[in-house]
């Protein structure tokens, strides 16, 4: 399952990205479990999960995505090196990579 993510200037400046439900559903497919439940982030929280990003020019890059939860409980992601391959206004296609949890940790 692929997810579309529109990059904003705030995402580039502060690395604050709300984790879209569609990305959690994509992770559900990859993990083969229910990622909508509250414990989802306990499984993948702070793990550098590899995802493939398709850029506007059609090229792809694989980057690590960190899933985390704020103190208020907001689900967020951080994309390693986002500024290196994206700019504000870019629409990226994100595909989580199927790997074993042991390989990610």
PDB file of N, CA and C in Angstrom:
ATOM      1  N   UNK A   1       0.853  -1.176   0.000  1.00  0.00           N
ATOM      2  CA  UNK A   1       0.000   0.000   0.000  1.00  0.00           C
ATOM      3  C   UNK A   1       0.898   1.238   0.000  1.00  0.00           C
ATOM      4  N   UNK A   2       0.583   2.165  -0.869  1.00  0.00           N
ATOM      5  CA  UNK A   2       1.339   3.417  -0.920  1.00  0.00           C
ATOM      6  C   UNK A   2       0.501   4.550  -0.344  1.00  0.00           C
ATOM      7  N   UNK A   3       1.198   5.557   0.152  1.00  0.00           N
ATOM      8  CA  UNK A   3       0.565   6.699   0.807  1.00  0.00           C
ATOM      9  C   UNK A   3       1.101   7.972   0.161  1.00  0.00           C
ATOM     10  N   UNK A   4       0.236   8.942  -0.066  1.00  0.00           N
ATOM     11  CA  UNK A   4       0.655  10.229  -0.606  1.00  0.00           C
ATOM     12  C   UNK A   4       0.862  11.209   0.545  1.00  0.00           C
ATOM     13  N   UNK A   5       1.993  11.913   0.504  1.00  0.00           N
ATOM     14  CA  UNK A   5       2.346  12.862   1.552  1.00  0.00           C
ATOM     15  C   UNK A   5       2.761  14.173   0.902  1.00  0.00           C
ATOM     16  N   UNK A   6       2.034  15.264   1.206  1.00  0.00           N
ATOM     17  CA  UNK A   6       2.377  16.587   0.683  1.00  0.00           C
ATOM     18  C   UNK A   6       3.267  17.284   1.702  1.00  0.00           C
ATOM     19  N   UNK A   7       4.458  17.675   1.262  1.00  0.00           N
ATOM     20  CA  UNK A   7       5.456  18.263   2.152  1.00  0.00           C
ATOM     21  C   UNK A   7       5.164  19.746   2.368  1.00  0.00           C
ATOM     22  N   UNK A   8       5.206  20.176   3.630  1.00  0.00           N
ATOM     23  CA  UNK A   8       5.015  21.589   3.971  1.00  0.00           C
ATOM     24  C   UNK A   8       6.322  22.161   4.505  1.00  0.00           C
ATOM     25  N   UNK A   9       6.396  23.478   4.587  1.00  0.00           N
ATOM     26  CA  UNK A   9       7.592  24.127   5.120  1.00  0.00           C
ATOM     27  C   UNK A   9       7.812  23.764   6.586  1.00  0.00           C
ATOM     28  N   UNK A  10       6.729  23.620   7.345  1.00  0.00           N
ATOM     29  CA  UNK A  10       6.852  23.221   8.754  1.00  0.00           C
ATOM     30  C   UNK A  10       7.495  21.844   8.876  1.00  0.00           C
ATOM     31  N   UNK A  11       7.107  20.922   8.003  1.00  0.00           N
ATOM     32  CA  UNK A  11       7.716  19.589   8.009  1.00  0.00           C
ATOM     33  C   UNK A  11       9.219  19.682   7.794  1.00  0.00           C
ATOM     34  N   UNK A  12       9.639  20.568   6.921  1.00  0.00           N
ATOM     35  CA  UNK A  12      11.060  20.714   6.612  1.00  0.00           C
ATOM     36  C   UNK A  12      11.816  21.425   7.729  1.00  0.00           C
ATOM     37  N   UNK A  13      11.188  22.423   8.334  1.00  0.00           N
ATOM     38  CA  UNK A  13      11.851  23.228   9.367  1.00  0.00           C
ATOM     39  C   UNK A  13      11.904  22.551  10.721  1.00  0.00           C
ATOM     40  N   UNK A  14      10.793  21.947  11.136  1.00  0.00           N
ATOM     41  CA  UNK A  14      10.679  21.435  12.498  1.00  0.00           C
ATOM     42  C   UNK A  14      10.591  19.919  12.579  1.00  0.00           C
ATOM     43  N   UNK A  15      10.558  19.264  11.443  1.00  0.00           N
ATOM     44  CA  UNK A  15      10.436  17.802  11.407  1.00  0.00           C
ATOM     45  C   UNK A  15       9.181  17.312  12.111  1.00  0.00           C
ATOM     46  N   UNK A  16       8.147  18.154  12.150  1.00  0.00           N
ATOM     47  CA  UNK A  16       6.882  17.766  12.777  1.00  0.00           C
ATOM     48  C   UNK A  16       5.938  17.326  11.678  1.00  0.00           C
ATOM     49  N   UNK A  17       5.642  16.022  11.661  1.00  0.00           N
ATOM     50  CA  UNK A  17       4.760  15.483  10.635  1.00  0.00           C
ATOM     51  C   UNK A  17       3.727  14.607  11.327  1.00  0.00           C
ATOM     52  N   UNK A  18       2.449  14.981  11.205  1.00  0.00           N
ATOM     53  CA  UNK A  18       1.391  14.130  11.741  1.00  0.00           C
ATOM     54  C   UNK A  18       1.390  12.824  10.956  1.00  0.00           C
ATOM     55  N   UNK A  19       1.239  11.728  11.661  1.00  0.00           N
ATOM     56  CA  UNK A  19       1.218  10.418  11.015  1.00  0.00           C
ATOM     57  C   UNK A  19      -0.177  10.173  10.457  1.00  0.00           C
ATOM     58  N   UNK A  20      -0.306  10.203   9.124  1.00  0.00           N
ATOM     59  CA  UNK A  20      -1.638  10.010   8.548  1.00  0.00           C
ATOM     60  C   UNK A  20      -2.161   8.593   8.808  1.00  0.00           C
ATOM     61  N   UNK A  21      -3.468   8.494   8.934  1.00  0.00           N
ATOM     62  CA  UNK A  21      -4.098   7.194   9.135  1.00  0.00           C
ATOM     63  C   UNK A  21      -3.716   6.256   7.999  1.00  0.00           C
ATOM     64  N   UNK A  22      -3.627   6.787   6.792  1.00  0.00           N
ATOM     65  CA  UNK A  22      -3.280   5.946   5.641  1.00  0.00           C
ATOM     66  C   UNK A  22      -1.902   5.314   5.796  1.00  0.00           C
ATOM     67  N   UNK A  23      -0.959   6.018   6.429  1.00  0.00           N
ATOM     68  CA  UNK A  23       0.366   5.445   6.656  1.00  0.00           C
ATOM     69  C   UNK A  23       0.302   4.355   7.725  1.00  0.00           C
ATOM     70  N   UNK A  24      -0.520   4.560   8.723  1.00  0.00           N
ATOM     71  CA  UNK A  24      -0.688   3.510   9.731  1.00  0.00           C
ATOM     72  C   UNK A  24      -1.337   2.270   9.118  1.00  0.00           C
ATOM     73  N   UNK A  25      -2.269   2.475   8.185  1.00  0.00           N
ATOM     74  CA  UNK A  25      -2.881   1.337   7.502  1.00  0.00           C
ATOM     75  C   UNK A  25      -1.859   0.619   6.620  1.00  0.00           C
ATOM     76  N   UNK A  26      -0.975   1.383   5.983  1.00  0.00           N
ATOM     77  CA  UNK A  26       0.085   0.765   5.181  1.00  0.00           C
ATOM     78  C   UNK A  26       1.004  -0.059   6.073  1.00  0.00           C
ATOM     79  N   UNK A  27       1.322   0.469   7.253  1.00  0.00           N
ATOM     80  CA  UNK A  27       2.154  -0.273   8.193  1.00  0.00           C
ATOM     81  C   UNK A  27       1.428  -1.524   8.677  1.00  0.00           C
ATOM     82  N   UNK A  28       0.108  -1.446   8.785  1.00  0.00           N
ATOM     83  CA  UNK A  28      -0.686  -2.615   9.180  1.00  0.00           C
ATOM     84  C   UNK A  28      -0.476  -3.734   8.176  1.00  0.00           C
ATOM     85  N   UNK A  29      -0.493  -3.400   6.888  1.00  0.00           N
ATOM     86  CA  UNK A  29      -0.265  -4.408   5.857  1.00  0.00           C
ATOM     87  C   UNK A  29       1.132  -5.004   5.971  1.00  0.00           C
ATOM     88  N   UNK A  30       2.114  -4.146   6.210  1.00  0.00           N
ATOM     89  CA  UNK A  30       3.498  -4.593   6.298  1.00  0.00           C
ATOM     90  C   UNK A  30       3.704  -5.496   7.509  1.00  0.00           C
ATOM     91  N   UNK A  31       3.145  -5.096   8.651  1.00  0.00           N
ATOM     92  CA  UNK A  31       3.326  -5.853   9.888  1.00  0.00           C
ATOM     93  C   UNK A  31       2.358  -7.020  10.014  1.00  0.00           C
ATOM     94  N   UNK A  32       1.284  -6.984   9.215  1.00  0.00           N
ATOM     95  CA  UNK A  32       0.309  -8.061   9.281  1.00  0.00           C
ATOM     96  C   UNK A  32      -0.522  -8.042  10.543  1.00  0.00           C
ATOM     97  N   UNK A  33      -0.691  -6.870  11.135  1.00  0.00           N
ATOM     98  CA  UNK A  33      -1.473  -6.751  12.367  1.00  0.00           C
ATOM     99  C   UNK A  33      -2.382  -5.547  12.315  1.00  0.00           C
ATOM    100  N   UNK A  34      -2.933  -5.201  13.454  1.00  0.00           N
ATOM    101  CA  UNK A  34      -3.859  -4.081  13.565  1.00  0.00           C
ATOM    102  C   UNK A  34      -3.117  -2.860  14.078  1.00  0.00           C
ATOM    103  N   UNK A  35      -2.760  -1.935  13.184  1.00  0.00           N
ATOM    104  CA  UNK A  35      -1.980  -0.759  13.565  1.00  0.00           C
ATOM    105  C   UNK A  35      -2.856   0.415  13.975  1.00  0.00           C
ATOM    106  N   UNK A  36      -4.146   0.224  14.026  1.00  0.00           N
ATOM    107  CA  UNK A  36      -5.028   1.311  14.442  1.00  0.00           C
ATOM    108  C   UNK A  36      -5.208   1.297  15.954  1.00  0.00           C
ATOM    109  N   UNK A  37      -4.841   0.221  16.586  1.00  0.00           N
ATOM    110  CA  UNK A  37      -5.014   0.167  18.030  1.00  0.00           C
ATOM    111  C   UNK A  37      -3.925   0.979  18.722  1.00  0.00           C
ATOM    112  N   UNK A  38      -4.158   1.344  19.940  1.00  0.00           N
ATOM    113  CA  UNK A  38      -3.286   2.259  20.674  1.00  0.00           C
ATOM    114  C   UNK A  38      -1.865   1.731  20.834  1.00  0.00           C
ATOM    115  N   UNK A  39      -1.691   0.418  20.886  1.00  0.00           N
ATOM    116  CA  UNK A  39      -0.371  -0.152  21.087  1.00  0.00           C
ATOM    117  C   UNK A  39       0.505  -0.192  19.850  1.00  0.00           C
ATOM    118  N   UNK A  40      -0.022   0.247  18.703  1.00  0.00           N
ATOM    119  CA  UNK A  40       0.756   0.218  17.463  1.00  0.00           C
ATOM    120  C   UNK A  40       2.102   0.905  17.616  1.00  0.00           C
ATOM    121  N   UNK A  41       2.096   2.100  18.179  1.00  0.00           N
ATOM    122  CA  UNK A  41       3.349   2.836  18.299  1.00  0.00           C
ATOM    123  C   UNK A  41       4.289   2.208  19.319  1.00  0.00           C
ATOM    124  N   UNK A  42       3.762   1.402  20.221  1.00  0.00           N
ATOM    125  CA  UNK A  42       4.642   0.691  21.144  1.00  0.00           C
ATOM    126  C   UNK A  42       5.495  -0.319  20.388  1.00  0.00           C
ATOM    127  N   UNK A  43       4.975  -0.843  19.282  1.00  0.00           N
ATOM    128  CA  UNK A  43       5.702  -1.820  18.483  1.00  0.00           C
ATOM    129  C   UNK A  43       6.789  -1.134  17.656  1.00  0.00           C
ATOM    130  N   UNK A  44       6.439  -0.051  16.966  1.00  0.00           N
ATOM    131  CA  UNK A  44       7.384   0.561  16.025  1.00  0.00           C
ATOM    132  C   UNK A  44       7.965   1.881  16.518  1.00  0.00           C
ATOM    133  N   UNK A  45       7.568   2.323  17.719  1.00  0.00           N
ATOM    134  CA  UNK A  45       8.015   3.619  18.214  1.00  0.00           C
ATOM    135  C   UNK A  45       9.536   3.714  18.267  1.00  0.00           C
ATOM    136  N   UNK A  46      10.032   4.778  17.704  1.00  0.00           N
ATOM    137  CA  UNK A  46      11.460   5.105  17.686  1.00  0.00           C
ATOM    138  C   UNK A  46      12.304   4.154  16.842  1.00  0.00           C
ATOM    139  N   UNK A  47      11.675   3.171  16.215  1.00  0.00           N
ATOM    140  CA  UNK A  47      12.431   2.307  15.320  1.00  0.00           C
ATOM    141  C   UNK A  47      12.600   3.014  13.979  1.00  0.00           C
ATOM    142  N   UNK A  48      13.780   2.973  13.411  1.00  0.00           N
ATOM    143  CA  UNK A  48      13.982   3.597  12.103  1.00  0.00           C
ATOM    144  C   UNK A  48      13.455   2.678  11.005  1.00  0.00           C
ATOM    145  N   UNK A  49      12.185   2.831  10.652  1.00  0.00           N
ATOM    146  CA  UNK A  49      11.540   1.929   9.707  1.00  0.00           C
ATOM    147  C   UNK A  49      11.838   2.370   8.273  1.00  0.00           C
ATOM    148  N   UNK A  50      12.359   1.476   7.419  1.00  0.00           N
ATOM    149  CA  UNK A  50      12.670   1.861   6.045  1.00  0.00           C
ATOM    150  C   UNK A  50      11.406   2.026   5.198  1.00  0.00           C
ATOM    151  N   UNK A  51      11.355   3.128   4.462  1.00  0.00           N
ATOM    152  CA  UNK A  51      10.255   3.383   3.535  1.00  0.00           C
ATOM    153  C   UNK A  51      10.840   3.874   2.216  1.00  0.00           C
ATOM    154  N   UNK A  52      10.174   3.515   1.131  1.00  0.00           N
ATOM    155  CA  UNK A  52      10.577   3.979  -0.189  1.00  0.00           C
ATOM    156  C   UNK A  52       9.750   5.208  -0.530  1.00  0.00           C
ATOM    157  N   UNK A  53      10.430   6.283  -0.931  1.00  0.00           N
ATOM    158  CA  UNK A  53       9.778   7.526  -1.316  1.00  0.00           C
ATOM    159  C   UNK A  53       9.927   7.719  -2.818  1.00  0.00           C
ATOM    160  N   UNK A  54       8.802   7.920  -3.501  1.00  0.00           N
ATOM    161  CA  UNK A  54       8.855   8.280  -4.918  1.00  0.00           C
ATOM    162  C   UNK A  54       8.737   9.794  -4.998  1.00  0.00           C
ATOM    163  N   UNK A  55       9.715  10.416  -5.630  1.00  0.00           N
ATOM    164  CA  UNK A  55       9.791  11.867  -5.730  1.00  0.00           C
ATOM    165  C   UNK A  55       9.008  12.362  -6.939  1.00  0.00           C
ATOM    166  N   UNK A  56       8.721  13.674  -6.983  1.00  0.00           N
ATOM    167  CA  UNK A  56       7.944  14.220  -8.098  1.00  0.00           C
ATOM    168  C   UNK A  56       8.555  13.945  -9.477  1.00  0.00           C
ATOM    169  N   UNK A  57       9.885  13.806  -9.553  1.00  0.00           N
ATOM    170  CA  UNK A  57      10.522  13.553 -10.853  1.00  0.00           C
ATOM    171  C   UNK A  57      10.532  12.071 -11.232  1.00  0.00           C
ATOM    172  N   UNK A  58       9.912  11.228 -10.382  1.00  0.00           N
ATOM    173  CA  UNK A  58       9.817   9.803 -10.682  1.00  0.00           C
ATOM    174  C   UNK A  58      10.927   8.951 -10.086  1.00  0.00           C
ATOM    175  N   UNK A  59      11.984   9.564  -9.551  1.00  0.00           N
ATOM    176  CA  UNK A  59      13.043   8.796  -8.919  1.00  0.00           C
ATOM    177  C   UNK A  59      12.591   8.333  -7.534  1.00  0.00           C
ATOM    178  N   UNK A  60      13.297   7.355  -6.986  1.00  0.00           N
ATOM    179  CA  UNK A  60      12.956   6.859  -5.658  1.00  0.00           C
ATOM    180  C   UNK A  60      14.182   6.906  -4.748  1.00  0.00           C
ATOM    181  N   UNK A  61      13.911   6.976  -3.457  1.00  0.00           N
ATOM    182  CA  UNK A  61      14.950   6.909  -2.441  1.00  0.00           C
ATOM    183  C   UNK A  61      14.374   6.178  -1.239  1.00  0.00           C
ATOM    184  N   UNK A  62      15.212   5.403  -0.560  1.00  0.00           N
ATOM    185  CA  UNK A  62      14.787   4.708   0.653  1.00  0.00           C
ATOM    186  C   UNK A  62      15.339   5.464   1.848  1.00  0.00           C
ATOM    187  N   UNK A  63      14.455   5.824   2.759  1.00  0.00           N
ATOM    188  CA  UNK A  63      14.840   6.574   3.962  1.00  0.00           C
ATOM    189  C   UNK A  63      14.200   5.945   5.186  1.00  0.00           C
ATOM    190  N   UNK A  64      14.780   6.237   6.344  1.00  0.00           N
ATOM    191  CA  UNK A  64      14.241   5.734   7.607  1.00  0.00           C
ATOM    192  C   UNK A  64      13.166   6.689   8.119  1.00  0.00           C
ATOM    193  N   UNK A  65      12.061   6.109   8.571  1.00  0.00           N
ATOM    194  CA  UNK A  65      10.958   6.879   9.152  1.00  0.00           C
ATOM    195  C   UNK A  65      10.807   6.443  10.601  1.00  0.00           C
ATOM    196  N   UNK A  66      10.813   7.422  11.514  1.00  0.00           N
ATOM    197  CA  UNK A  66      10.617   7.152  12.939  1.00  0.00           C
ATOM    198  C   UNK A  66       9.170   7.476  13.294  1.00  0.00           C
ATOM    199  N   UNK A  67       8.495   6.531  13.906  1.00  0.00           N
ATOM    200  CA  UNK A  67       7.137   6.735  14.399  1.00  0.00           C
ATOM    201  C   UNK A  67       7.235   7.060  15.880  1.00  0.00           C
ATOM    202  N   UNK A  68       6.480   8.059  16.330  1.00  0.00           N
ATOM    203  CA  UNK A  68       6.506   8.390  17.747  1.00  0.00           C
ATOM    204  C   UNK A  68       5.197   9.036  18.159  1.00  0.00           C
ATOM    205  N   UNK A  69       5.027   9.170  19.466  1.00  0.00           N
ATOM    206  CA  UNK A  69       3.817   9.757  20.031  1.00  0.00           C
ATOM    207  C   UNK A  69       4.222  10.897  20.943  1.00  0.00           C
ATOM    208  N   UNK A  70       3.525  12.037  20.846  1.00  0.00           N
ATOM    209  CA  UNK A  70       3.813  13.174  21.722  1.00  0.00           C
ATOM    210  C   UNK A  70       3.238  12.906  23.105  1.00  0.00           C
ATOM    211  N   UNK A  71       3.571  13.763  24.059  1.00  0.00           N
ATOM    212  CA  UNK A  71       3.035  13.612  25.420  1.00  0.00           C
ATOM    213  C   UNK A  71       1.512  13.689  25.429  1.00  0.00           C
ATOM    214  N   UNK A  72       0.950  14.455  24.474  1.00  0.00           N
ATOM    215  CA  UNK A  72      -0.513  14.568  24.375  1.00  0.00           C
ATOM    216  C   UNK A  72      -1.132  13.358  23.686  1.00  0.00           C
ATOM    217  N   UNK A  73      -0.291  12.505  23.111  1.00  0.00           N
ATOM    218  CA  UNK A  73      -0.797  11.315  22.444  1.00  0.00           C
ATOM    219  C   UNK A  73      -0.925  11.459  20.936  1.00  0.00           C
ATOM    220  N   UNK A  74      -0.479  12.607  20.383  1.00  0.00           N
ATOM    221  CA  UNK A  74      -0.530  12.788  18.927  1.00  0.00           C
ATOM    222  C   UNK A  74       0.462  11.836  18.264  1.00  0.00           C
ATOM    223  N   UNK A  75       0.032  11.174  17.199  1.00  0.00           N
ATOM    224  CA  UNK A  75       0.898  10.255  16.480  1.00  0.00           C
ATOM    225  C   UNK A  75       1.640  11.024  15.394  1.00  0.00           C
ATOM    226  N   UNK A  76       2.962  10.922  15.411  1.00  0.00           N
ATOM    227  CA  UNK A  76       3.791  11.685  14.480  1.00  0.00           C
ATOM    228  C   UNK A  76       4.841  10.794  13.848  1.00  0.00           C
ATOM    229  N   UNK A  77       5.443  11.322  12.779  1.00  0.00           N
ATOM    230  CA  UNK A  77       6.572  10.653  12.145  1.00  0.00           C
ATOM    231  C   UNK A  77       7.681  11.664  11.904  1.00  0.00           C
ATOM    232  N   UNK A  78       8.883  11.163  11.796  1.00  0.00           N
ATOM    233  CA  UNK A  78      10.042  11.966  11.447  1.00  0.00           C
ATOM    234  C   UNK A  78      10.763  11.218  10.330  1.00  0.00           C
ATOM    235  N   UNK A  79      11.105  11.938   9.268  1.00  0.00           N
ATOM    236  CA  UNK A  79      11.744  11.316   8.106  1.00  0.00           C
ATOM    237  C   UNK A  79      13.198  11.763   8.052  1.00  0.00           C
ATOM    238  N   UNK A  80      14.101  10.812   8.148  1.00  0.00           N
ATOM    239  CA  UNK A  80      15.531  11.109   8.151  1.00  0.00           C
ATOM    240  C   UNK A  80      15.954  11.710   6.802  1.00  0.00           C
ATOM    241  N   UNK A  81      16.600  12.891   6.877  1.00  0.00           N
ATOM    242  CA  UNK A  81      17.138  13.530   5.676  1.00  0.00           C
ATOM    243  C   UNK A  81      16.098  14.093   4.729  1.00  0.00           C
ATOM    244  N   UNK A  82      14.923  14.442   5.239  1.00  0.00           N
ATOM    245  CA  UNK A  82      13.836  14.917   4.379  1.00  0.00           C
ATOM    246  C   UNK A  82      14.257  16.098   3.519  1.00  0.00           C
ATOM    247  N   UNK A  83      14.978  17.040   4.096  1.00  0.00           N
ATOM    248  CA  UNK A  83      15.407  18.246   3.352  1.00  0.00           C
ATOM    249  C   UNK A  83      16.329  17.915   2.179  1.00  0.00           C
ATOM    250  N   UNK A  84      16.992  16.781   2.243  1.00  0.00           N
ATOM    251  CA  UNK A  84      17.938  16.412   1.188  1.00  0.00           C
ATOM    252  C   UNK A  84      17.263  16.005  -0.108  1.00  0.00           C
ATOM    253  N   UNK A  85      16.002  15.587  -0.028  1.00  0.00           N
ATOM    254  CA  UNK A  85      15.356  15.104  -1.250  1.00  0.00           C
ATOM    255  C   UNK A  85      13.978  15.699  -1.523  1.00  0.00           C
ATOM    256  N   UNK A  86      13.491  16.574  -0.647  1.00  0.00           N
ATOM    257  CA  UNK A  86      12.166  17.154  -0.852  1.00  0.00           C
ATOM    258  C   UNK A  86      12.169  18.638  -0.522  1.00  0.00           C
ATOM    259  N   UNK A  87      11.194  19.328  -1.096  1.00  0.00           N
ATOM    260  CA  UNK A  87      11.004  20.744  -0.787  1.00  0.00           C
ATOM    261  C   UNK A  87       9.516  20.976  -0.547  1.00  0.00           C
ATOM    262  N   UNK A  88       9.181  22.112   0.036  1.00  0.00           N
ATOM    263  CA  UNK A  88       7.786  22.438   0.334  1.00  0.00           C
ATOM    264  C   UNK A  88       6.963  22.390  -0.948  1.00  0.00           C
ATOM    265  N   UNK A  89       5.805  21.757  -0.856  1.00  0.00           N
ATOM    266  CA  UNK A  89       4.920  21.629  -2.007  1.00  0.00           C
ATOM    267  C   UNK A  89       5.066  20.315  -2.747  1.00  0.00           C
ATOM    268  N   UNK A  90       6.162  19.603  -2.522  1.00  0.00           N
ATOM    269  CA  UNK A  90       6.346  18.303  -3.172  1.00  0.00           C
ATOM    270  C   UNK A  90       5.300  17.319  -2.675  1.00  0.00           C
ATOM    271  N   UNK A  91       4.824  16.492  -3.587  1.00  0.00           N
ATOM    272  CA  UNK A  91       3.919  15.404  -3.228  1.00  0.00           C
ATOM    273  C   UNK A  91       4.705  14.112  -3.410  1.00  0.00           C
ATOM    274  N   UNK A  92       4.926  13.413  -2.306  1.00  0.00           N
ATOM    275  CA  UNK A  92       5.716  12.188  -2.317  1.00  0.00           C
ATOM    276  C   UNK A  92       4.806  10.985  -2.136  1.00  0.00           C
ATOM    277  N   UNK A  93       5.191   9.894  -2.756  1.00  0.00           N
ATOM    278  CA  UNK A  93       4.508   8.630  -2.544  1.00  0.00           C
ATOM    279  C   UNK A  93       5.383   7.801  -1.612  1.00  0.00           C
ATOM    280  N   UNK A  94       4.801   7.335  -0.517  1.00  0.00           N
ATOM    281  CA  UNK A  94       5.548   6.608   0.515  1.00  0.00           C
ATOM    282  C   UNK A  94       5.064   5.162   0.556  1.00  0.00           C
ATOM    283  N   UNK A  95       6.013   4.233   0.534  1.00  0.00           N
ATOM    284  CA  UNK A  95       5.693   2.817   0.645  1.00  0.00           C
ATOM    285  C   UNK A  95       6.558   2.197   1.735  1.00  0.00           C
ATOM    286  N   UNK A  96       5.946   1.768   2.859  1.00  0.00           N
ATOM    287  CA  UNK A  96       6.735   1.085   3.895  1.00  0.00           C
ATOM    288  C   UNK A  96       7.313  -0.210   3.340  1.00  0.00           C
ATOM    289  N   UNK A  97       8.543  -0.524   3.752  1.00  0.00           N
ATOM    290  CA  UNK A  97       9.230  -1.713   3.282  1.00  0.00           C
ATOM    291  C   UNK A  97       8.988  -2.869   4.243  1.00  0.00           C
ATOM    292  N   UNK A  98       8.569  -4.015   3.719  1.00  0.00           N
ATOM    293  CA  UNK A  98       8.382  -5.165   4.615  1.00  0.00           C
ATOM    294  C   UNK A  98       9.728  -5.700   5.101  1.00  0.00           C
ATOM    295  N   UNK A  99       9.963  -5.627   6.405  1.00  0.00           N
ATOM    296  CA  UNK A  99      11.148  -6.202   7.033  1.00  0.00           C
ATOM    297  C   UNK A  99      10.726  -6.797   8.366  1.00  0.00           C
ATOM    298  N   UNK A 100      11.537  -7.657   8.889  1.00  0.00           N
ATOM    299  CA  UNK A 100      11.260  -8.228  10.202  1.00  0.00           C
ATOM    300  C   UNK A 100      11.610  -7.193  11.266  1.00  0.00           C
ATOM    301  N   UNK A 101      10.870  -7.159  12.353  1.00  0.00           N
ATOM    302  CA  UNK A 101      11.139  -6.203  13.432  1.00  0.00           C
ATOM    303  C   UNK A 101      12.561  -6.343  13.953  1.00  0.00           C
ATOM    304  N   UNK A 102      13.094  -7.557  13.957  1.00  0.00           N
ATOM    305  CA  UNK A 102      14.449  -7.770  14.443  1.00  0.00           C
ATOM    306  C   UNK A 102      15.470  -7.047  13.553  1.00  0.00           C
ATOM    307  N   UNK A 103      15.176  -6.935  12.237  1.00  0.00           N
ATOM    308  CA  UNK A 103      16.078  -6.270  11.313  1.00  0.00           C
ATOM    309  C   UNK A 103      16.083  -4.768  11.520  1.00  0.00           C
ATOM    310  N   UNK A 104      14.980  -4.222  12.008  1.00  0.00           N
ATOM    311  CA  UNK A 104      14.836  -2.773  12.178  1.00  0.00           C
ATOM    312  C   UNK A 104      15.484  -2.318  13.472  1.00  0.00           C
ATOM    313  N   UNK A 105      15.343  -3.088  14.525  1.00  0.00           N
ATOM    314  CA  UNK A 105      15.819  -2.691  15.852  1.00  0.00           C
ATOM    315  C   UNK A 105      17.320  -2.566  15.916  1.00  0.00           C
TER     316      UNK A 105
END
